[in-house]
């Protein structure tokens, strides 16, 4: 049965308008993005098939171009469209930070950092720069490494913070293993960067570690 023949309350678009996007399943949200199905599959059936093939909606969204385009009913046009949607989401979060107090709005800050860093298969070390009222200035990915770690140089962090005229920073990096537990090396480099930035009167407010599902704050653990 075609989706247009379903009861109105069961159609993804009508359901979203009636109850909001949060009321939809992963397959229903993906079906709205796909817009149409393929021969033998409605948009919802195709969405369910794709989520099953990729293992999860997240893995589909994070797939590279080659992997994505191999999906049934997908192609380069859909890949381009998806990347545009994902980038709009990132920019929306960034805009939310720019118009508020990035540090006191901890949930938005952590969601933004998590979205920026979680998908990388290798370790990335980044800094979120804040002004003297702790408002968002810039987010920069400074160092990249392997699946096991990245070399981080406090001097480069100081240099970049001064270039952005930052009064405070939030450090961040991901753990490709998926576990957000801080290592002794994480704590040690945090202290080194903190000491280096103290010399130029720039505060380290936190160091966020991004895992697969969880985010850990070193400030909350007492290490900042």
C-alpha atoms as a PDB file:
ATOM      1  CA  UNK A   1       0.000   0.000   0.000  1.00  0.00           C
ATOM      2  CA  UNK A   2       1.331   3.431  -0.927  1.00  0.00           C
ATOM      3  CA  UNK A   3       1.905   5.905   1.911  1.00  0.00           C
ATOM      4  CA  UNK A   4      -0.752   8.232   0.454  1.00  0.00           C
ATOM      5  CA  UNK A   5      -3.306   5.458   1.128  1.00  0.00           C
ATOM      6  CA  UNK A   6      -2.329   5.114   4.803  1.00  0.00           C
ATOM      7  CA  UNK A   7      -4.478   6.674   7.558  1.00  0.00           C
ATOM      8  CA  UNK A   8      -3.473  10.334   7.925  1.00  0.00           C
ATOM      9  CA  UNK A   9      -2.153   9.823  11.492  1.00  0.00           C
ATOM     10  CA  UNK A  10       0.280   7.168  10.230  1.00  0.00           C
ATOM     11  CA  UNK A  11       1.800   9.172   7.375  1.00  0.00           C
ATOM     12  CA  UNK A  12       5.219  10.558   8.446  1.00  0.00           C
ATOM     13  CA  UNK A  13       4.655  14.094   7.157  1.00  0.00           C
ATOM     14  CA  UNK A  14       1.193  14.447   8.673  1.00  0.00           C
ATOM     15  CA  UNK A  15       2.397  12.811  11.910  1.00  0.00           C
ATOM     16  CA  UNK A  16       5.266  15.329  12.150  1.00  0.00           C
ATOM     17  CA  UNK A  17       2.922  18.273  11.603  1.00  0.00           C
ATOM     18  CA  UNK A  18       0.493  16.945  14.186  1.00  0.00           C
ATOM     19  CA  UNK A  19       2.859  15.732  16.924  1.00  0.00           C
ATOM     20  CA  UNK A  20       6.305  17.170  16.113  1.00  0.00           C
ATOM     21  CA  UNK A  21       9.492  15.565  14.803  1.00  0.00           C
ATOM     22  CA  UNK A  22      10.292  13.864  18.122  1.00  0.00           C
ATOM     23  CA  UNK A  23       7.222  11.647  17.740  1.00  0.00           C
ATOM     24  CA  UNK A  24       8.640  10.006  14.603  1.00  0.00           C
ATOM     25  CA  UNK A  25      10.767   6.881  14.465  1.00  0.00           C
ATOM     26  CA  UNK A  26      14.191   6.855  12.795  1.00  0.00           C
ATOM     27  CA  UNK A  27      12.648   5.215   9.725  1.00  0.00           C
ATOM     28  CA  UNK A  28       9.867   7.799   9.507  1.00  0.00           C
ATOM     29  CA  UNK A  29      12.335  10.702   9.736  1.00  0.00           C
ATOM     30  CA  UNK A  30      14.531   9.134   7.070  1.00  0.00           C
ATOM     31  CA  UNK A  31      11.470   8.521   4.869  1.00  0.00           C
ATOM     32  CA  UNK A  32      10.680  12.241   4.914  1.00  0.00           C
ATOM     33  CA  UNK A  33      14.250  12.952   3.825  1.00  0.00           C
ATOM     34  CA  UNK A  34      14.053  10.326   1.044  1.00  0.00           C
ATOM     35  CA  UNK A  35      10.669  11.736  -0.100  1.00  0.00           C
ATOM     36  CA  UNK A  36       9.946   8.770  -2.386  1.00  0.00           C
ATOM     37  CA  UNK A  37      10.529   5.065  -2.362  1.00  0.00           C
ATOM     38  CA  UNK A  38      11.646   2.733  -5.140  1.00  0.00           C
ATOM     39  CA  UNK A  39       9.880  -0.027  -7.020  1.00  0.00           C
ATOM     40  CA  UNK A  40       8.415  -2.427  -4.489  1.00  0.00           C
ATOM     41  CA  UNK A  41       9.248  -0.217  -1.502  1.00  0.00           C
ATOM     42  CA  UNK A  42       7.448   2.771  -0.045  1.00  0.00           C
ATOM     43  CA  UNK A  43       9.643   5.549   1.366  1.00  0.00           C
ATOM     44  CA  UNK A  44       9.144   4.128   4.887  1.00  0.00           C
ATOM     45  CA  UNK A  45       9.912   0.561   3.737  1.00  0.00           C
ATOM     46  CA  UNK A  46      13.058   1.811   1.992  1.00  0.00           C
ATOM     47  CA  UNK A  47      14.086   3.756   5.085  1.00  0.00           C
ATOM     48  CA  UNK A  48      13.714   0.650   7.256  1.00  0.00           C
ATOM     49  CA  UNK A  49      15.724  -1.386   4.745  1.00  0.00           C
ATOM     50  CA  UNK A  50      18.534   1.205   4.682  1.00  0.00           C
ATOM     51  CA  UNK A  51      18.730   1.450   8.471  1.00  0.00           C
ATOM     52  CA  UNK A  52      18.954  -2.342   8.612  1.00  0.00           C
ATOM     53  CA  UNK A  53      21.659  -2.428   5.912  1.00  0.00           C
ATOM     54  CA  UNK A  54      23.795   0.244   7.591  1.00  0.00           C
ATOM     55  CA  UNK A  55      23.155  -1.004  11.133  1.00  0.00           C
ATOM     56  CA  UNK A  56      21.668   2.232  12.472  1.00  0.00           C
ATOM     57  CA  UNK A  57      20.500   5.663  11.384  1.00  0.00           C
ATOM     58  CA  UNK A  58      23.671   7.170  12.814  1.00  0.00           C
ATOM     59  CA  UNK A  59      25.933   4.920  10.725  1.00  0.00           C
ATOM     60  CA  UNK A  60      23.992   5.883   7.613  1.00  0.00           C
ATOM     61  CA  UNK A  61      24.329   9.592   8.408  1.00  0.00           C
ATOM     62  CA  UNK A  62      28.065   9.239   9.067  1.00  0.00           C
ATOM     63  CA  UNK A  63      28.836   7.085   6.013  1.00  0.00           C
ATOM     64  CA  UNK A  64      31.326   8.434   3.501  1.00  0.00           C
ATOM     65  CA  UNK A  65      30.242   9.141  -0.057  1.00  0.00           C
ATOM     66  CA  UNK A  66      31.235   5.774  -1.499  1.00  0.00           C
ATOM     67  CA  UNK A  67      29.537   3.744   1.240  1.00  0.00           C
ATOM     68  CA  UNK A  68      26.433   5.937   1.245  1.00  0.00           C
ATOM     69  CA  UNK A  69      25.936   5.772  -2.511  1.00  0.00           C
ATOM     70  CA  UNK A  70      25.992   1.960  -2.409  1.00  0.00           C
ATOM     71  CA  UNK A  71      22.793   2.010  -0.361  1.00  0.00           C
ATOM     72  CA  UNK A  72      19.622   0.872  -2.109  1.00  0.00           C
ATOM     73  CA  UNK A  73      17.856   3.845  -3.685  1.00  0.00           C
ATOM     74  CA  UNK A  74      20.602   6.289  -2.749  1.00  0.00           C
ATOM     75  CA  UNK A  75      23.093   8.176  -4.887  1.00  0.00           C
ATOM     76  CA  UNK A  76      25.255  11.241  -5.181  1.00  0.00           C
ATOM     77  CA  UNK A  77      22.319  13.683  -5.192  1.00  0.00           C
ATOM     78  CA  UNK A  78      20.990  12.264  -1.905  1.00  0.00           C
ATOM     79  CA  UNK A  79      24.497  12.313  -0.429  1.00  0.00           C
ATOM     80  CA  UNK A  80      24.912  15.996  -1.288  1.00  0.00           C
ATOM     81  CA  UNK A  81      21.468  16.762   0.121  1.00  0.00           C
ATOM     82  CA  UNK A  82      22.257  14.917   3.360  1.00  0.00           C
ATOM     83  CA  UNK A  83      25.583  16.693   3.836  1.00  0.00           C
ATOM     84  CA  UNK A  84      23.814  20.029   3.421  1.00  0.00           C
ATOM     85  CA  UNK A  85      21.228  19.066   6.061  1.00  0.00           C
ATOM     86  CA  UNK A  86      23.921  17.911   8.512  1.00  0.00           C
ATOM     87  CA  UNK A  87      25.934  21.089   8.003  1.00  0.00           C
ATOM     88  CA  UNK A  88      22.843  23.213   8.619  1.00  0.00           C
ATOM     89  CA  UNK A  89      22.377  21.368  11.913  1.00  0.00           C
ATOM     90  CA  UNK A  90      25.982  22.067  12.918  1.00  0.00           C
ATOM     91  CA  UNK A  91      25.664  25.732  11.994  1.00  0.00           C
ATOM     92  CA  UNK A  92      22.400  26.013  13.920  1.00  0.00           C
ATOM     93  CA  UNK A  93      24.116  24.739  17.069  1.00  0.00           C
ATOM     94  CA  UNK A  94      27.051  27.080  16.473  1.00  0.00           C
ATOM     95  CA  UNK A  95      24.652  29.983  16.022  1.00  0.00           C
ATOM     96  CA  UNK A  96      22.970  29.070  19.315  1.00  0.00           C
ATOM     97  CA  UNK A  97      26.354  29.316  21.033  1.00  0.00           C
ATOM     98  CA  UNK A  98      27.172  32.632  19.383  1.00  0.00           C
ATOM     99  CA  UNK A  99      23.974  34.177  20.702  1.00  0.00           C
ATOM    100  CA  UNK A 100      24.337  32.943  24.267  1.00  0.00           C
ATOM    101  CA  UNK A 101      26.783  32.273  27.045  1.00  0.00           C
ATOM    102  CA  UNK A 102      28.645  29.204  25.818  1.00  0.00           C
ATOM    103  CA  UNK A 103      29.942  28.059  29.176  1.00  0.00           C
ATOM    104  CA  UNK A 104      26.830  28.443  31.299  1.00  0.00           C
ATOM    105  CA  UNK A 105      24.794  26.818  28.525  1.00  0.00           C
ATOM    106  CA  UNK A 106      26.696  23.591  29.105  1.00  0.00           C
ATOM    107  CA  UNK A 107      24.182  21.301  27.398  1.00  0.00           C
ATOM    108  CA  UNK A 108      24.334  23.202  24.096  1.00  0.00           C
ATOM    109  CA  UNK A 109      28.119  23.429  24.307  1.00  0.00           C
ATOM    110  CA  UNK A 110      28.503  19.686  24.880  1.00  0.00           C
ATOM    111  CA  UNK A 111      26.014  18.820  22.135  1.00  0.00           C
ATOM    112  CA  UNK A 112      27.903  21.030  19.706  1.00  0.00           C
ATOM    113  CA  UNK A 113      31.309  19.547  20.599  1.00  0.00           C
ATOM    114  CA  UNK A 114      29.899  16.023  20.489  1.00  0.00           C
ATOM    115  CA  UNK A 115      28.410  16.611  17.052  1.00  0.00           C
ATOM    116  CA  UNK A 116      31.682  18.059  15.764  1.00  0.00           C
ATOM    117  CA  UNK A 117      33.984  15.309  17.045  1.00  0.00           C
ATOM    118  CA  UNK A 118      32.112  12.046  17.609  1.00  0.00           C
ATOM    119  CA  UNK A 119      32.133  10.694  14.058  1.00  0.00           C
ATOM    120  CA  UNK A 120      35.895  10.861  13.464  1.00  0.00           C
ATOM    121  CA  UNK A 121      37.623   7.446  13.180  1.00  0.00           C
ATOM    122  CA  UNK A 122      40.849   9.089  14.421  1.00  0.00           C
ATOM    123  CA  UNK A 123      41.569  11.328  17.406  1.00  0.00           C
ATOM    124  CA  UNK A 124      41.042  15.067  16.962  1.00  0.00           C
ATOM    125  CA  UNK A 125      41.998  17.724  19.516  1.00  0.00           C
ATOM    126  CA  UNK A 126      40.071  21.002  19.323  1.00  0.00           C
ATOM    127  CA  UNK A 127      39.547  24.279  21.162  1.00  0.00           C
ATOM    128  CA  UNK A 128      36.434  26.346  21.661  1.00  0.00           C
ATOM    129  CA  UNK A 129      37.503  29.974  22.153  1.00  0.00           C
ATOM    130  CA  UNK A 130      35.470  32.362  24.326  1.00  0.00           C
ATOM    131  CA  UNK A 131      35.554  36.104  24.968  1.00  0.00           C
ATOM    132  CA  UNK A 132      35.806  37.771  28.384  1.00  0.00           C
ATOM    133  CA  UNK A 133      32.082  37.154  28.956  1.00  0.00           C
ATOM    134  CA  UNK A 134      32.521  33.496  28.002  1.00  0.00           C
ATOM    135  CA  UNK A 135      30.660  33.896  24.727  1.00  0.00           C
ATOM    136  CA  UNK A 136      31.500  31.815  21.671  1.00  0.00           C
ATOM    137  CA  UNK A 137      34.236  33.144  19.368  1.00  0.00           C
ATOM    138  CA  UNK A 138      35.494  30.198  17.316  1.00  0.00           C
ATOM    139  CA  UNK A 139      35.877  26.416  17.296  1.00  0.00           C
ATOM    140  CA  UNK A 140      39.107  25.107  15.764  1.00  0.00           C
ATOM    141  CA  UNK A 141      40.354  21.562  15.222  1.00  0.00           C
ATOM    142  CA  UNK A 142      44.054  21.934  16.021  1.00  0.00           C
ATOM    143  CA  UNK A 143      45.597  18.461  16.001  1.00  0.00           C
ATOM    144  CA  UNK A 144      44.761  15.158  14.340  1.00  0.00           C
ATOM    145  CA  UNK A 145      46.216  11.779  15.041  1.00  0.00           C
ATOM    146  CA  UNK A 146      45.545   8.060  14.768  1.00  0.00           C
ATOM    147  CA  UNK A 147      42.923   5.865  16.355  1.00  0.00           C
ATOM    148  CA  UNK A 148      45.139   5.737  19.469  1.00  0.00           C
ATOM    149  CA  UNK A 149      45.935   9.396  20.003  1.00  0.00           C
ATOM    150  CA  UNK A 150      47.093  12.751  18.698  1.00  0.00           C
ATOM    151  CA  UNK A 151      50.186  14.783  19.529  1.00  0.00           C
ATOM    152  CA  UNK A 152      49.166  18.027  21.245  1.00  0.00           C
ATOM    153  CA  UNK A 153      51.502  21.016  21.592  1.00  0.00           C
ATOM    154  CA  UNK A 154      50.606  23.605  24.282  1.00  0.00           C
ATOM    155  CA  UNK A 155      52.583  26.302  22.445  1.00  0.00           C
ATOM    156  CA  UNK A 156      50.295  25.978  19.413  1.00  0.00           C
ATOM    157  CA  UNK A 157      47.225  26.147  21.628  1.00  0.00           C
ATOM    158  CA  UNK A 158      48.515  29.393  23.171  1.00  0.00           C
ATOM    159  CA  UNK A 159      49.343  30.807  19.732  1.00  0.00           C
ATOM    160  CA  UNK A 160      45.880  30.027  18.385  1.00  0.00           C
ATOM    161  CA  UNK A 161      44.106  31.396  21.480  1.00  0.00           C
ATOM    162  CA  UNK A 162      45.997  34.690  21.163  1.00  0.00           C
ATOM    163  CA  UNK A 163      45.163  34.931  17.461  1.00  0.00           C
ATOM    164  CA  UNK A 164      41.471  34.676  18.335  1.00  0.00           C
ATOM    165  CA  UNK A 165      41.880  37.190  21.183  1.00  0.00           C
ATOM    166  CA  UNK A 166      40.322  34.630  23.528  1.00  0.00           C
ATOM    167  CA  UNK A 167      39.900  35.245  27.246  1.00  0.00           C
ATOM    168  CA  UNK A 168      39.017  31.609  27.948  1.00  0.00           C
ATOM    169  CA  UNK A 169      38.996  28.247  26.182  1.00  0.00           C
ATOM    170  CA  UNK A 170      37.248  24.922  26.406  1.00  0.00           C
ATOM    171  CA  UNK A 171      39.507  22.079  25.282  1.00  0.00           C
ATOM    172  CA  UNK A 172      37.990  19.045  23.596  1.00  0.00           C
ATOM    173  CA  UNK A 173      38.983  15.800  21.969  1.00  0.00           C
ATOM    174  CA  UNK A 174      37.363  12.530  20.961  1.00  0.00           C
ATOM    175  CA  UNK A 175      38.144   8.943  21.869  1.00  0.00           C
ATOM    176  CA  UNK A 176      37.617   6.797  18.736  1.00  0.00           C
ATOM    177  CA  UNK A 177      37.365   3.771  21.021  1.00  0.00           C
ATOM    178  CA  UNK A 178      33.985   5.158  22.050  1.00  0.00           C
ATOM    179  CA  UNK A 179      34.833   5.339  25.756  1.00  0.00           C
ATOM    180  CA  UNK A 180      34.854   8.854  27.228  1.00  0.00           C
ATOM    181  CA  UNK A 181      36.943   7.920  30.276  1.00  0.00           C
ATOM    182  CA  UNK A 182      39.925  10.333  30.658  1.00  0.00           C
ATOM    183  CA  UNK A 183      43.405   8.821  30.636  1.00  0.00           C
ATOM    184  CA  UNK A 184      46.342  10.038  32.707  1.00  0.00           C
ATOM    185  CA  UNK A 185      47.754  11.475  29.478  1.00  0.00           C
ATOM    186  CA  UNK A 186      44.544  13.483  29.009  1.00  0.00           C
ATOM    187  CA  UNK A 187      44.818  14.898  32.514  1.00  0.00           C
ATOM    188  CA  UNK A 188      48.536  15.619  32.088  1.00  0.00           C
ATOM    189  CA  UNK A 189      48.158  17.535  28.807  1.00  0.00           C
ATOM    190  CA  UNK A 190      45.265  19.506  30.302  1.00  0.00           C
ATOM    191  CA  UNK A 191      47.504  20.660  33.144  1.00  0.00           C
ATOM    192  CA  UNK A 192      50.307  21.564  30.707  1.00  0.00           C
ATOM    193  CA  UNK A 193      47.991  23.626  28.516  1.00  0.00           C
ATOM    194  CA  UNK A 194      46.459  25.232  31.579  1.00  0.00           C
ATOM    195  CA  UNK A 195      49.892  26.281  32.841  1.00  0.00           C
ATOM    196  CA  UNK A 196      50.894  27.642  29.427  1.00  0.00           C
ATOM    197  CA  UNK A 197      47.688  29.669  29.046  1.00  0.00           C
ATOM    198  CA  UNK A 198      47.936  31.005  32.607  1.00  0.00           C
ATOM    199  CA  UNK A 199      51.088  32.863  31.516  1.00  0.00           C
ATOM    200  CA  UNK A 200      49.019  34.935  29.071  1.00  0.00           C
ATOM    201  CA  UNK A 201      45.948  35.289  31.322  1.00  0.00           C
ATOM    202  CA  UNK A 202      43.716  32.906  29.377  1.00  0.00           C
ATOM    203  CA  UNK A 203      41.585  30.542  31.450  1.00  0.00           C
ATOM    204  CA  UNK A 204      40.897  26.890  30.697  1.00  0.00           C
ATOM    205  CA  UNK A 205      37.270  26.376  31.698  1.00  0.00           C
ATOM    206  CA  UNK A 206      36.969  22.702  30.836  1.00  0.00           C
ATOM    207  CA  UNK A 207      38.296  19.806  28.805  1.00  0.00           C
ATOM    208  CA  UNK A 208      35.529  17.787  27.163  1.00  0.00           C
ATOM    209  CA  UNK A 209      36.150  14.183  26.109  1.00  0.00           C
ATOM    210  CA  UNK A 210      33.763  12.809  23.502  1.00  0.00           C
ATOM    211  CA  UNK A 211      33.010   9.094  23.352  1.00  0.00           C
ATOM    212  CA  UNK A 212      30.504   7.180  21.294  1.00  0.00           C
ATOM    213  CA  UNK A 213      27.465   7.899  23.464  1.00  0.00           C
ATOM    214  CA  UNK A 214      28.865   9.760  26.469  1.00  0.00           C
ATOM    215  CA  UNK A 215      30.680  13.042  27.027  1.00  0.00           C
ATOM    216  CA  UNK A 216      32.984  13.570  30.033  1.00  0.00           C
ATOM    217  CA  UNK A 217      33.876  16.919  31.587  1.00  0.00           C
ATOM    218  CA  UNK A 218      37.280  17.087  33.275  1.00  0.00           C
ATOM    219  CA  UNK A 219      36.096  20.182  35.154  1.00  0.00           C
ATOM    220  CA  UNK A 220      33.267  18.163  36.695  1.00  0.00           C
ATOM    221  CA  UNK A 221      35.814  15.522  37.709  1.00  0.00           C
ATOM    222  CA  UNK A 222      37.963  18.191  39.383  1.00  0.00           C
ATOM    223  CA  UNK A 223      40.876  18.079  36.943  1.00  0.00           C
ATOM    224  CA  UNK A 224      40.462  21.680  35.699  1.00  0.00           C
END
